[in-house]
C-alpha atoms as a PDB file:
ATOM      1  CA  UNK A   1       0.000   0.000   0.000  1.00  0.00           C
ATOM      2  CA  UNK A   2       2.784   2.411   0.947  1.00  0.00           C
ATOM      3  CA  UNK A   3       4.707   1.446  -2.208  1.00  0.00           C
ATOM      4  CA  UNK A   4       1.646   2.191  -4.355  1.00  0.00           C
ATOM      5  CA  UNK A   5       1.241   5.574  -2.677  1.00  0.00           C
ATOM      6  CA  UNK A   6       4.938   6.321  -3.208  1.00  0.00           C
ATOM      7  CA  UNK A   7       4.660   5.477  -6.924  1.00  0.00           C
ATOM      8  CA  UNK A   8       1.571   7.639  -7.236  1.00  0.00           C
ATOM      9  CA  UNK A   9       3.389  10.463  -5.470  1.00  0.00           C
ATOM     10  CA  UNK A  10       6.363  10.216  -7.842  1.00  0.00           C
ATOM     11  CA  UNK A  11       3.987  10.202 -10.799  1.00  0.00           C
ATOM     12  CA  UNK A  12       2.205  13.294  -9.533  1.00  0.00           C
ATOM     13  CA  UNK A  13       5.548  15.042  -8.927  1.00  0.00           C
ATOM     14  CA  UNK A  14       6.639  14.259 -12.494  1.00  0.00           C
ATOM     15  CA  UNK A  15       3.454  15.636 -14.040  1.00  0.00           C
ATOM     16  CA  UNK A  16       3.616  18.692 -11.807  1.00  0.00           C
ATOM     17  CA  UNK A  17       7.198  19.414 -12.904  1.00  0.00           C
ATOM     18  CA  UNK A  18       6.323  18.654 -16.544  1.00  0.00           C
ATOM     19  CA  UNK A  19       3.353  21.027 -16.632  1.00  0.00           C
ATOM     20  CA  UNK A  20       5.152  23.757 -14.698  1.00  0.00           C
ATOM     21  CA  UNK A  21       8.383  23.718 -16.736  1.00  0.00           C
ATOM     22  CA  UNK A  22       7.050  22.864 -20.197  1.00  0.00           C
ATOM     23  CA  UNK A  23       8.384  26.064 -21.776  1.00  0.00           C
ATOM     24  CA  UNK A  24      11.893  25.545 -20.394  1.00  0.00           C
ATOM     25  CA  UNK A  25      11.825  21.903 -21.554  1.00  0.00           C
ATOM     26  CA  UNK A  26      11.415  23.164 -25.126  1.00  0.00           C
ATOM     27  CA  UNK A  27      15.108  24.049 -25.033  1.00  0.00           C
ATOM     28  CA  UNK A  28      15.950  20.314 -25.341  1.00  0.00           C
ATOM     29  CA  UNK A  29      14.328  19.673 -28.768  1.00  0.00           C
ATOM     30  CA  UNK A  30      15.460  23.095 -30.042  1.00  0.00           C
ATOM     31  CA  UNK A  31      19.101  22.232 -29.255  1.00  0.00           C
ATOM     32  CA  UNK A  32      18.725  18.754 -30.794  1.00  0.00           C
ATOM     33  CA  UNK A  33      17.143  20.263 -33.913  1.00  0.00           C
ATOM     34  CA  UNK A  34      19.950  22.792 -34.328  1.00  0.00           C
ATOM     35  CA  UNK A  35      22.615  20.136 -33.708  1.00  0.00           C
ATOM     36  CA  UNK A  36      21.019  17.884 -36.332  1.00  0.00           C
ATOM     37  CA  UNK A  37      21.175  20.571 -39.009  1.00  0.00           C
ATOM     38  CA  UNK A  38      24.695  21.489 -37.901  1.00  0.00           C
ATOM     39  CA  UNK A  39      25.870  17.881 -38.248  1.00  0.00           C
ATOM     40  CA  UNK A  40      24.284  17.461 -41.681  1.00  0.00           C
ATOM     41  CA  UNK A  41      25.634  20.827 -42.854  1.00  0.00           C
ATOM     42  CA  UNK A  42      29.160  19.968 -41.706  1.00  0.00           C
ATOM     43  CA  UNK A  43      28.952  16.508 -43.298  1.00  0.00           C
ATOM     44  CA  UNK A  44      27.814  17.949 -46.611  1.00  0.00           C
ATOM     45  CA  UNK A  45      30.474  20.675 -46.567  1.00  0.00           C
ATOM     46  CA  UNK A  46      33.303  18.212 -45.865  1.00  0.00           C
ATOM     47  CA  UNK A  47      32.238  15.148 -47.885  1.00  0.00           C
ATOM     48  CA  UNK A  48      29.637  16.356 -50.389  1.00  0.00           C
ATOM     49  CA  UNK A  49      27.100  13.880 -48.940  1.00  0.00           C
ATOM     50  CA  UNK A  50      24.659  14.206 -46.054  1.00  0.00           C
ATOM     51  CA  UNK A  51      25.310  10.620 -44.945  1.00  0.00           C
ATOM     52  CA  UNK A  52      27.598   7.733 -45.852  1.00  0.00           C
ATOM     53  CA  UNK A  53      25.971   5.229 -48.220  1.00  0.00           C
ATOM     54  CA  UNK A  54      26.583   1.533 -48.721  1.00  0.00           C
ATOM     55  CA  UNK A  55      27.121  -0.242 -52.047  1.00  0.00           C
ATOM     56  CA  UNK A  56      23.375  -0.507 -52.802  1.00  0.00           C
ATOM     57  CA  UNK A  57      23.018   3.303 -52.818  1.00  0.00           C
ATOM     58  CA  UNK A  58      26.495   4.326 -53.938  1.00  0.00           C
ATOM     59  CA  UNK A  59      27.657   1.648 -56.339  1.00  0.00           C
ATOM     60  CA  UNK A  60      30.506  -0.818 -55.986  1.00  0.00           C
ATOM     61  CA  UNK A  61      31.107  -4.519 -55.596  1.00  0.00           C
ATOM     62  CA  UNK A  62      29.718  -7.117 -53.195  1.00  0.00           C
ATOM     63  CA  UNK A  63      31.631 -10.364 -52.683  1.00  0.00           C
ATOM     64  CA  UNK A  64      29.718 -13.112 -50.883  1.00  0.00           C
ATOM     65  CA  UNK A  65      31.577 -16.096 -49.429  1.00  0.00           C
ATOM     66  CA  UNK A  66      29.435 -19.052 -48.333  1.00  0.00           C
ATOM     67  CA  UNK A  67      31.123 -21.829 -46.376  1.00  0.00           C
ATOM     68  CA  UNK A  68      30.064 -23.867 -43.355  1.00  0.00           C
ATOM     69  CA  UNK A  69      32.846 -22.750 -41.035  1.00  0.00           C
ATOM     70  CA  UNK A  70      33.582 -20.050 -38.506  1.00  0.00           C
ATOM     71  CA  UNK A  71      35.127 -16.816 -39.770  1.00  0.00           C
ATOM     72  CA  UNK A  72      36.597 -14.004 -37.718  1.00  0.00           C
ATOM     73  CA  UNK A  73      34.983 -11.036 -39.462  1.00  0.00           C
ATOM     74  CA  UNK A  74      37.001  -8.496 -37.453  1.00  0.00           C
ATOM     75  CA  UNK A  75      40.302 -10.096 -38.550  1.00  0.00           C
ATOM     76  CA  UNK A  76      39.192 -10.158 -42.198  1.00  0.00           C
ATOM     77  CA  UNK A  77      38.183  -6.493 -41.994  1.00  0.00           C
ATOM     78  CA  UNK A  78      41.513  -5.556 -40.423  1.00  0.00           C
ATOM     79  CA  UNK A  79      43.498  -7.525 -43.021  1.00  0.00           C
ATOM     80  CA  UNK A  80      41.655  -5.923 -45.943  1.00  0.00           C
ATOM     81  CA  UNK A  81      42.097  -2.418 -44.495  1.00  0.00           C
ATOM     82  CA  UNK A  82      45.807  -3.123 -44.128  1.00  0.00           C
ATOM     83  CA  UNK A  83      46.112  -4.505 -47.666  1.00  0.00           C
ATOM     84  CA  UNK A  84      44.003  -1.716 -49.242  1.00  0.00           C
ATOM     85  CA  UNK A  85      44.716   1.364 -47.085  1.00  0.00           C
ATOM     86  CA  UNK A  86      42.437   4.368 -47.512  1.00  0.00           C
ATOM     87  CA  UNK A  87      39.743   2.371 -49.320  1.00  0.00           C
ATOM     88  CA  UNK A  88      36.076   1.895 -48.444  1.00  0.00           C
ATOM     89  CA  UNK A  89      35.563  -1.715 -47.362  1.00  0.00           C
ATOM     90  CA  UNK A  90      33.068  -3.363 -45.011  1.00  0.00           C
ATOM     91  CA  UNK A  91      32.942  -7.017 -43.936  1.00  0.00           C
ATOM     92  CA  UNK A  92      29.691  -8.477 -42.597  1.00  0.00           C
ATOM     93  CA  UNK A  93      28.988 -11.949 -41.256  1.00  0.00           C
ATOM     94  CA  UNK A  94      26.384 -14.312 -42.680  1.00  0.00           C
ATOM     95  CA  UNK A  95      24.504 -16.671 -40.389  1.00  0.00           C
ATOM     96  CA  UNK A  96      21.345 -18.759 -40.199  1.00  0.00           C
ATOM     97  CA  UNK A  97      19.720 -19.512 -36.837  1.00  0.00           C
ATOM     98  CA  UNK A  98      22.958 -18.522 -35.138  1.00  0.00           C
ATOM     99  CA  UNK A  99      25.164 -20.779 -37.307  1.00  0.00           C
ATOM    100  CA  UNK A 100      27.843 -19.065 -39.409  1.00  0.00           C
ATOM    101  CA  UNK A 101      27.345 -19.569 -43.154  1.00  0.00           C
ATOM    102  CA  UNK A 102      30.009 -17.176 -44.469  1.00  0.00           C
ATOM    103  CA  UNK A 103      30.613 -13.462 -44.852  1.00  0.00           C
ATOM    104  CA  UNK A 104      30.004 -10.550 -47.226  1.00  0.00           C
ATOM    105  CA  UNK A 105      32.481  -7.867 -48.330  1.00  0.00           C
ATOM    106  CA  UNK A 106      31.184  -4.541 -49.656  1.00  0.00           C
ATOM    107  CA  UNK A 107      33.467  -2.000 -51.295  1.00  0.00           C
ATOM    108  CA  UNK A 108      32.938   0.995 -53.553  1.00  0.00           C
ATOM    109  CA  UNK A 109      36.543   1.368 -54.717  1.00  0.00           C
ATOM    110  CA  UNK A 110      38.101  -2.137 -54.811  1.00  0.00           C
ATOM    111  CA  UNK A 111      37.480  -4.485 -57.723  1.00  0.00           C
ATOM    112  CA  UNK A 112      35.905  -7.912 -57.327  1.00  0.00           C
ATOM    113  CA  UNK A 113      39.062  -9.611 -58.609  1.00  0.00           C
ATOM    114  CA  UNK A 114      41.207  -7.878 -55.988  1.00  0.00           C
ATOM    115  CA  UNK A 115      38.830  -8.845 -53.200  1.00  0.00           C
ATOM    116  CA  UNK A 116      38.621 -12.479 -54.328  1.00  0.00           C
ATOM    117  CA  UNK A 117      42.415 -12.702 -54.473  1.00  0.00           C
ATOM    118  CA  UNK A 118      42.676 -11.195 -50.985  1.00  0.00           C
ATOM    119  CA  UNK A 119      40.085 -13.636 -49.600  1.00  0.00           C
ATOM    120  CA  UNK A 120      41.942 -16.619 -51.052  1.00  0.00           C
ATOM    121  CA  UNK A 121      45.185 -15.400 -49.497  1.00  0.00           C
ATOM    122  CA  UNK A 122      43.491 -15.155 -46.117  1.00  0.00           C
ATOM    123  CA  UNK A 123      41.616 -18.472 -46.436  1.00  0.00           C
ATOM    124  CA  UNK A 124      43.248 -20.906 -48.865  1.00  0.00           C
ATOM    125  CA  UNK A 125      40.551 -23.508 -48.115  1.00  0.00           C
ATOM    126  CA  UNK A 126      37.828 -21.379 -49.744  1.00  0.00           C
ATOM    127  CA  UNK A 127      36.920 -22.704 -53.199  1.00  0.00           C
ATOM    128  CA  UNK A 128      35.923 -20.737 -56.291  1.00  0.00           C
ATOM    129  CA  UNK A 129      32.368 -22.088 -56.173  1.00  0.00           C
ATOM    130  CA  UNK A 130      31.974 -20.678 -52.650  1.00  0.00           C
ATOM    131  CA  UNK A 131      32.442 -17.097 -53.917  1.00  0.00           C
ATOM    132  CA  UNK A 132      29.930 -14.938 -55.782  1.00  0.00           C
ATOM    133  CA  UNK A 133      30.358 -11.357 -56.980  1.00  0.00           C
ATOM    134  CA  UNK A 134      27.682  -8.710 -57.599  1.00  0.00           C
ATOM    135  CA  UNK A 135      28.466  -5.351 -59.177  1.00  0.00           C
ATOM    136  CA  UNK A 136      26.393  -2.164 -58.819  1.00  0.00           C
ATOM    137  CA  UNK A 137      27.379   0.693 -61.119  1.00  0.00           C
ATOM    138  CA  UNK A 138      27.961   4.101 -59.545  1.00  0.00           C
ATOM    139  CA  UNK A 139      25.333   5.702 -61.824  1.00  0.00           C
ATOM    140  CA  UNK A 140      22.807   3.013 -60.871  1.00  0.00           C
ATOM    141  CA  UNK A 141      23.601   3.401 -57.159  1.00  0.00           C
ATOM    142  CA  UNK A 142      23.225   7.180 -57.412  1.00  0.00           C
ATOM    143  CA  UNK A 143      19.917   6.703 -59.213  1.00  0.00           C
ATOM    144  CA  UNK A 144      18.685   4.357 -56.449  1.00  0.00           C
ATOM    145  CA  UNK A 145      19.650   6.935 -53.831  1.00  0.00           C
ATOM    146  CA  UNK A 146      17.863   9.809 -55.581  1.00  0.00           C
ATOM    147  CA  UNK A 147      14.739   7.728 -56.058  1.00  0.00           C
ATOM    148  CA  UNK A 148      14.839   6.556 -52.434  1.00  0.00           C
ATOM    149  CA  UNK A 149      15.108  10.118 -51.113  1.00  0.00           C
ATOM    150  CA  UNK A 150      12.318  11.207 -53.478  1.00  0.00           C
ATOM    151  CA  UNK A 151      10.132   8.348 -52.212  1.00  0.00           C
ATOM    152  CA  UNK A 152      10.636   9.402 -48.585  1.00  0.00           C
ATOM    153  CA  UNK A 153       9.911  13.044 -49.488  1.00  0.00           C
ATOM    154  CA  UNK A 154       6.694  12.140 -51.353  1.00  0.00           C
ATOM    155  CA  UNK A 155       5.553   9.913 -48.477  1.00  0.00           C
ATOM    156  CA  UNK A 156       6.181  12.755 -46.029  1.00  0.00           C
ATOM    157  CA  UNK A 157       4.275  15.277 -48.157  1.00  0.00           C
ATOM    158  CA  UNK A 158       1.311  12.911 -48.552  1.00  0.00           C
ATOM    159  CA  UNK A 159       1.309  12.251 -44.795  1.00  0.00           C
ATOM    160  CA  UNK A 160       1.311  16.011 -44.179  1.00  0.00           C
ATOM    161  CA  UNK A 161      -1.646  16.529 -46.526  1.00  0.00           C
ATOM    162  CA  UNK A 162      -3.626  13.774 -44.784  1.00  0.00           C
ATOM    163  CA  UNK A 163      -2.898  15.319 -41.370  1.00  0.00           C
ATOM    164  CA  UNK A 164      -3.954  18.786 -42.569  1.00  0.00           C
ATOM    165  CA  UNK A 165      -7.146  17.380 -44.092  1.00  0.00           C
ATOM    166  CA  UNK A 166      -7.973  15.419 -40.938  1.00  0.00           C
ATOM    167  CA  UNK A 167      -7.615  18.322 -38.517  1.00  0.00           C
ATOM    168  CA  UNK A 168      -8.702  21.078 -40.937  1.00  0.00           C
ATOM    169  CA  UNK A 169      -6.882  23.464 -38.652  1.00  0.00           C
ATOM    170  CA  UNK A 170      -3.610  24.886 -39.966  1.00  0.00           C
ATOM    171  CA  UNK A 171      -1.526  25.382 -36.822  1.00  0.00           C
ATOM    172  CA  UNK A 172      -2.240  22.098 -34.950  1.00  0.00           C
ATOM    173  CA  UNK A 173      -1.667  20.244 -38.230  1.00  0.00           C
ATOM    174  CA  UNK A 174       1.645  22.058 -38.711  1.00  0.00           C
ATOM    175  CA  UNK A 175       2.690  21.133 -35.153  1.00  0.00           C
ATOM    176  CA  UNK A 176       2.168  17.435 -36.004  1.00  0.00           C
ATOM    177  CA  UNK A 177       4.134  17.766 -39.255  1.00  0.00           C
ATOM    178  CA  UNK A 178       6.972  19.620 -37.482  1.00  0.00           C
ATOM    179  CA  UNK A 179       7.272  16.894 -34.854  1.00  0.00           C
ATOM    180  CA  UNK A 180       7.231  14.167 -37.509  1.00  0.00           C
ATOM    181  CA  UNK A 181       9.945  15.993 -39.468  1.00  0.00           C
ATOM    182  CA  UNK A 182      12.087  16.220 -36.322  1.00  0.00           C
ATOM    183  CA  UNK A 183      11.561  12.473 -35.717  1.00  0.00           C
ATOM    184  CA  UNK A 184      13.127  11.816 -39.127  1.00  0.00           C
ATOM    185  CA  UNK A 185      15.891  14.433 -39.264  1.00  0.00           C
ATOM    186  CA  UNK A 186      17.317  13.667 -35.794  1.00  0.00           C
ATOM    187  CA  UNK A 187      17.966   9.915 -36.365  1.00  0.00           C
ATOM    188  CA  UNK A 188      19.288  10.731 -39.841  1.00  0.00           C
ATOM    189  CA  UNK A 189      21.766  13.243 -38.382  1.00  0.00           C
ATOM    190  CA  UNK A 190      22.841  10.868 -35.596  1.00  0.00           C
ATOM    191  CA  UNK A 191      23.513   8.089 -38.114  1.00  0.00           C
ATOM    192  CA  UNK A 192      25.531  10.569 -40.185  1.00  0.00           C
ATOM    193  CA  UNK A 193      27.558  11.623 -37.117  1.00  0.00           C
ATOM    194  CA  UNK A 194      28.250   7.986 -36.150  1.00  0.00           C
ATOM    195  CA  UNK A 195      29.370   7.142 -39.683  1.00  0.00           C
ATOM    196  CA  UNK A 196      26.669   4.481 -40.119  1.00  0.00           C
ATOM    197  CA  UNK A 197      26.127   3.740 -43.790  1.00  0.00           C
ATOM    198  CA  UNK A 198      22.604   4.140 -45.130  1.00  0.00           C
ATOM    199  CA  UNK A 199      21.318   1.198 -47.165  1.00  0.00           C
ATOM    200  CA  UNK A 200      18.082   0.485 -48.994  1.00  0.00           C
ATOM    201  CA  UNK A 201      16.911  -1.170 -45.757  1.00  0.00           C
ATOM    202  CA  UNK A 202      17.577   2.097 -43.917  1.00  0.00           C
ATOM    203  CA  UNK A 203      15.476   4.000 -46.448  1.00  0.00           C
ATOM    204  CA  UNK A 204      12.625   1.521 -45.883  1.00  0.00           C
ATOM    205  CA  UNK A 205      12.984   2.104 -42.144  1.00  0.00           C
ATOM    206  CA  UNK A 206      12.613   5.867 -42.598  1.00  0.00           C
ATOM    207  CA  UNK A 207       9.416   5.229 -44.567  1.00  0.00           C
ATOM    208  CA  UNK A 208       8.134   3.150 -41.634  1.00  0.00           C
ATOM    209  CA  UNK A 209       9.204   5.897 -39.263  1.00  0.00           C
ATOM    210  CA  UNK A 210       6.934   8.423 -40.991  1.00  0.00           C
ATOM    211  CA  UNK A 211       3.967   6.308 -39.947  1.00  0.00           C
ATOM    212  CA  UNK A 212       5.281   5.588 -36.451  1.00  0.00           C
ATOM    213  CA  UNK A 213       6.110   9.244 -35.772  1.00  0.00           C
ATOM    214  CA  UNK A 214       2.632  10.648 -36.423  1.00  0.00           C
ATOM    215  CA  UNK A 215       0.713   8.082 -34.357  1.00  0.00           C
ATOM    216  CA  UNK A 216       1.296   9.670 -30.970  1.00  0.00           C
ATOM    217  CA  UNK A 217       1.163  13.213 -32.386  1.00  0.00           C
ATOM    218  CA  UNK A 218      -2.286  12.572 -33.861  1.00  0.00           C
ATOM    219  CA  UNK A 219      -3.406  10.978 -30.578  1.00  0.00           C
ATOM    220  CA  UNK A 220      -2.202  14.014 -28.613  1.00  0.00           C
ATOM    221  CA  UNK A 221      -3.670  16.600 -30.990  1.00  0.00           C
ATOM    222  CA  UNK A 222      -7.014  14.800 -31.324  1.00  0.00           C
ATOM    223  CA  UNK A 223      -7.500  14.587 -27.572  1.00  0.00           C
ATOM    224  CA  UNK A 224      -6.465  18.190 -27.022  1.00  0.00           C
ATOM    225  CA  UNK A 225      -8.753  19.557 -29.747  1.00  0.00           C
ATOM    226  CA  UNK A 226     -11.794  17.320 -29.335  1.00  0.00           C
ATOM    227  CA  UNK A 227     -11.886  16.293 -25.669  1.00  0.00           C
ATOM    228  CA  UNK A 228     -13.932  19.103 -24.153  1.00  0.00           C
ATOM    229  CA  UNK A 229     -14.795  19.711 -20.515  1.00  0.00           C
ATOM    230  CA  UNK A 230     -11.193  19.270 -19.337  1.00  0.00           C
ATOM    231  CA  UNK A 231      -8.257  21.610 -18.798  1.00  0.00           C
ATOM    232  CA  UNK A 232      -5.567  21.526 -21.479  1.00  0.00           C
ATOM    233  CA  UNK A 233      -3.067  20.028 -19.018  1.00  0.00           C
ATOM    234  CA  UNK A 234      -5.474  17.192 -18.198  1.00  0.00           C
ATOM    235  CA  UNK A 235      -6.021  16.469 -21.885  1.00  0.00           C
ATOM    236  CA  UNK A 236      -2.265  16.262 -22.422  1.00  0.00           C
ATOM    237  CA  UNK A 237      -1.898  14.040 -19.376  1.00  0.00           C
ATOM    238  CA  UNK A 238      -4.651  11.719 -20.621  1.00  0.00           C
ATOM    239  CA  UNK A 239      -3.002  11.438 -24.041  1.00  0.00           C
ATOM    240  CA  UNK A 240       0.411  10.874 -22.448  1.00  0.00           C
ATOM    241  CA  UNK A 241      -0.801   7.859 -20.470  1.00  0.00           C
ATOM    242  CA  UNK A 242      -1.770   6.119 -23.710  1.00  0.00           C
ATOM    243  CA  UNK A 243       0.868   7.544 -26.063  1.00  0.00           C
ATOM    244  CA  UNK A 244       3.949   6.896 -23.944  1.00  0.00           C
ATOM    245  CA  UNK A 245       2.833   3.299 -23.366  1.00  0.00           C
ATOM    246  CA  UNK A 246       2.393   2.862 -27.150  1.00  0.00           C
ATOM    247  CA  UNK A 247       5.872   4.198 -27.871  1.00  0.00           C
ATOM    248  CA  UNK A 248       7.612   2.236 -25.108  1.00  0.00           C
ATOM    249  CA  UNK A 249       5.916  -0.984 -26.236  1.00  0.00           C
ATOM    250  CA  UNK A 250       7.092  -0.454 -29.825  1.00  0.00           C
ATOM    251  CA  UNK A 251      10.563   0.580 -28.623  1.00  0.00           C
ATOM    252  CA  UNK A 252      10.887  -2.592 -26.534  1.00  0.00           C
ATOM    253  CA  UNK A 253       9.845  -4.776 -29.468  1.00  0.00           C
ATOM    254  CA  UNK A 254      12.295  -3.248 -31.970  1.00  0.00           C
ATOM    255  CA  UNK A 255      15.113  -3.278 -29.381  1.00  0.00           C
ATOM    256  CA  UNK A 256      14.646  -7.006 -28.774  1.00  0.00           C
ATOM    257  CA  UNK A 257      14.580  -7.587 -32.543  1.00  0.00           C
ATOM    258  CA  UNK A 258      17.746  -5.527 -33.032  1.00  0.00           C
ATOM    259  CA  UNK A 259      19.768  -7.570 -30.536  1.00  0.00           C
ATOM    260  CA  UNK A 260      18.462 -11.022 -31.463  1.00  0.00           C
ATOM    261  CA  UNK A 261      18.038 -11.083 -35.259  1.00  0.00           C
ATOM    262  CA  UNK A 262      21.001 -12.126 -37.395  1.00  0.00           C
ATOM    263  CA  UNK A 263      20.114 -10.286 -40.612  1.00  0.00           C
ATOM    264  CA  UNK A 264      22.030  -7.030 -41.143  1.00  0.00           C
ATOM    265  CA  UNK A 265      19.114  -5.726 -43.203  1.00  0.00           C
ATOM    266  CA  UNK A 266      16.617  -6.169 -40.367  1.00  0.00           C
ATOM    267  CA  UNK A 267      19.170  -4.855 -37.862  1.00  0.00           C
ATOM    268  CA  UNK A 268      19.423  -1.540 -39.712  1.00  0.00           C
ATOM    269  CA  UNK A 269      15.631  -1.240 -39.941  1.00  0.00           C
ATOM    270  CA  UNK A 270      15.313  -1.903 -36.199  1.00  0.00           C
ATOM    271  CA  UNK A 271      18.144   0.521 -35.394  1.00  0.00           C
ATOM    272  CA  UNK A 272      16.509   3.369 -37.324  1.00  0.00           C
ATOM    273  CA  UNK A 273      13.170   2.654 -35.639  1.00  0.00           C
ATOM    274  CA  UNK A 274      14.843   2.581 -32.211  1.00  0.00           C
ATOM    275  CA  UNK A 275      16.340   6.025 -32.789  1.00  0.00           C
ATOM    276  CA  UNK A 276      13.110   7.382 -34.244  1.00  0.00           C
ATOM    277  CA  UNK A 277      10.956   6.139 -31.363  1.00  0.00           C
ATOM    278  CA  UNK A 278      13.395   7.566 -28.818  1.00  0.00           C
ATOM    279  CA  UNK A 279      13.310  10.993 -30.454  1.00  0.00           C
ATOM    280  CA  UNK A 280       9.527  10.673 -30.845  1.00  0.00           C
ATOM    281  CA  UNK A 281       9.160  10.732 -27.050  1.00  0.00           C
ATOM    282  CA  UNK A 282      10.939  14.097 -27.014  1.00  0.00           C
ATOM    283  CA  UNK A 283       9.271  15.601 -30.064  1.00  0.00           C
ATOM    284  CA  UNK A 284       5.734  14.524 -29.197  1.00  0.00           C
ATOM    285  CA  UNK A 285       5.627  15.151 -25.460  1.00  0.00           C
ATOM    286  CA  UNK A 286       7.882  18.196 -25.329  1.00  0.00           C
ATOM    287  CA  UNK A 287       7.824  19.864 -28.758  1.00  0.00           C
ATOM    288  CA  UNK A 288       4.274  19.171 -29.920  1.00  0.00           C
ATOM    289  CA  UNK A 289       2.654  19.111 -26.487  1.00  0.00           C
ATOM    290  CA  UNK A 290       4.253  22.415 -25.443  1.00  0.00           C
ATOM    291  CA  UNK A 291       3.471  24.448 -28.549  1.00  0.00           C
ATOM    292  CA  UNK A 292      -0.009  22.920 -28.778  1.00  0.00           C
ATOM    293  CA  UNK A 293      -0.663  23.864 -25.143  1.00  0.00           C
ATOM    294  CA  UNK A 294       0.476  27.447 -25.752  1.00  0.00           C
ATOM    295  CA  UNK A 295      -1.756  27.647 -28.831  1.00  0.00           C
ATOM    296  CA  UNK A 296      -4.843  26.250 -27.060  1.00  0.00           C
ATOM    297  CA  UNK A 297      -4.410  28.353 -23.924  1.00  0.00           C
ATOM    298  CA  UNK A 298      -4.021  31.478 -26.038  1.00  0.00           C
ATOM    299  CA  UNK A 299      -7.132  30.581 -28.029  1.00  0.00           C
ATOM    300  CA  UNK A 300      -9.189  29.859 -24.891  1.00  0.00           C
ATOM    301  CA  UNK A 301      -8.016  33.093 -23.245  1.00  0.00           C
ATOM    302  CA  UNK A 302      -9.051  35.029 -26.369  1.00  0.00           C
ATOM    303  CA  UNK A 303     -12.510  33.433 -26.266  1.00  0.00           C
ATOM    304  CA  UNK A 304     -13.029  34.225 -22.574  1.00  0.00           C
ATOM    305  CA  UNK A 305     -11.806  37.854 -22.921  1.00  0.00           C
END
């Protein structure tokens, strides 16, 4: 009984602090937003790209080695970097149900023949039939990247139009779109800062993130606009009880998937979603909730004046 009261007291203290300091808390997403644009601007100025891209979006060669034996991927990576200094090379493991089935080498500036020769020097027991090579032209990779970015942009614009049509109220709709944009740009900038290469799987994850990011924002805005007979703070609190639970449930699921799946493709999708859901907690319950509260309180004060 005392423990339940203590938990309730902590909960009440949190909401009291949250509702009292909501304007000061806005500093957090503002700083993150500025840092994100700063990171992307610096990356573009120094490299000519907003983010590093893998072979599927940049062009290059992929060498796949399939053999039922254990490979030390870190040693192979280190050996290739030593043999081809200053080149772009990435070694990834292949496995099925936890059993190693080989490895994959991606490179945008080493030929397939060079990589095959290097692999044979490292592992003389690997046979020719165990090795396959796939080539993606630089023009084709660039085309994939442009089309992928265009697809994300179109999806975002269509989502924005649907949100505007649903609420039929310019400012609350814009608040939702702003929060969704921040949910996308912040993970993108963090991946760029960490040097994580974007793949076609990552692009698919950002498309998923557009849908994930607006769920809680629409929940919050709908309750605040249409749930009459309650103070604005109570409407936000009601939405937060549901919305935070939704986000934490999704975050837990994608985190478990990230650590337990073997596929690099699924890992990148889960990683992008993890970042997006984390930033969604900030952008929904600080950014959107704060500016929406200021808007509604101003509108209600104008009506009562």
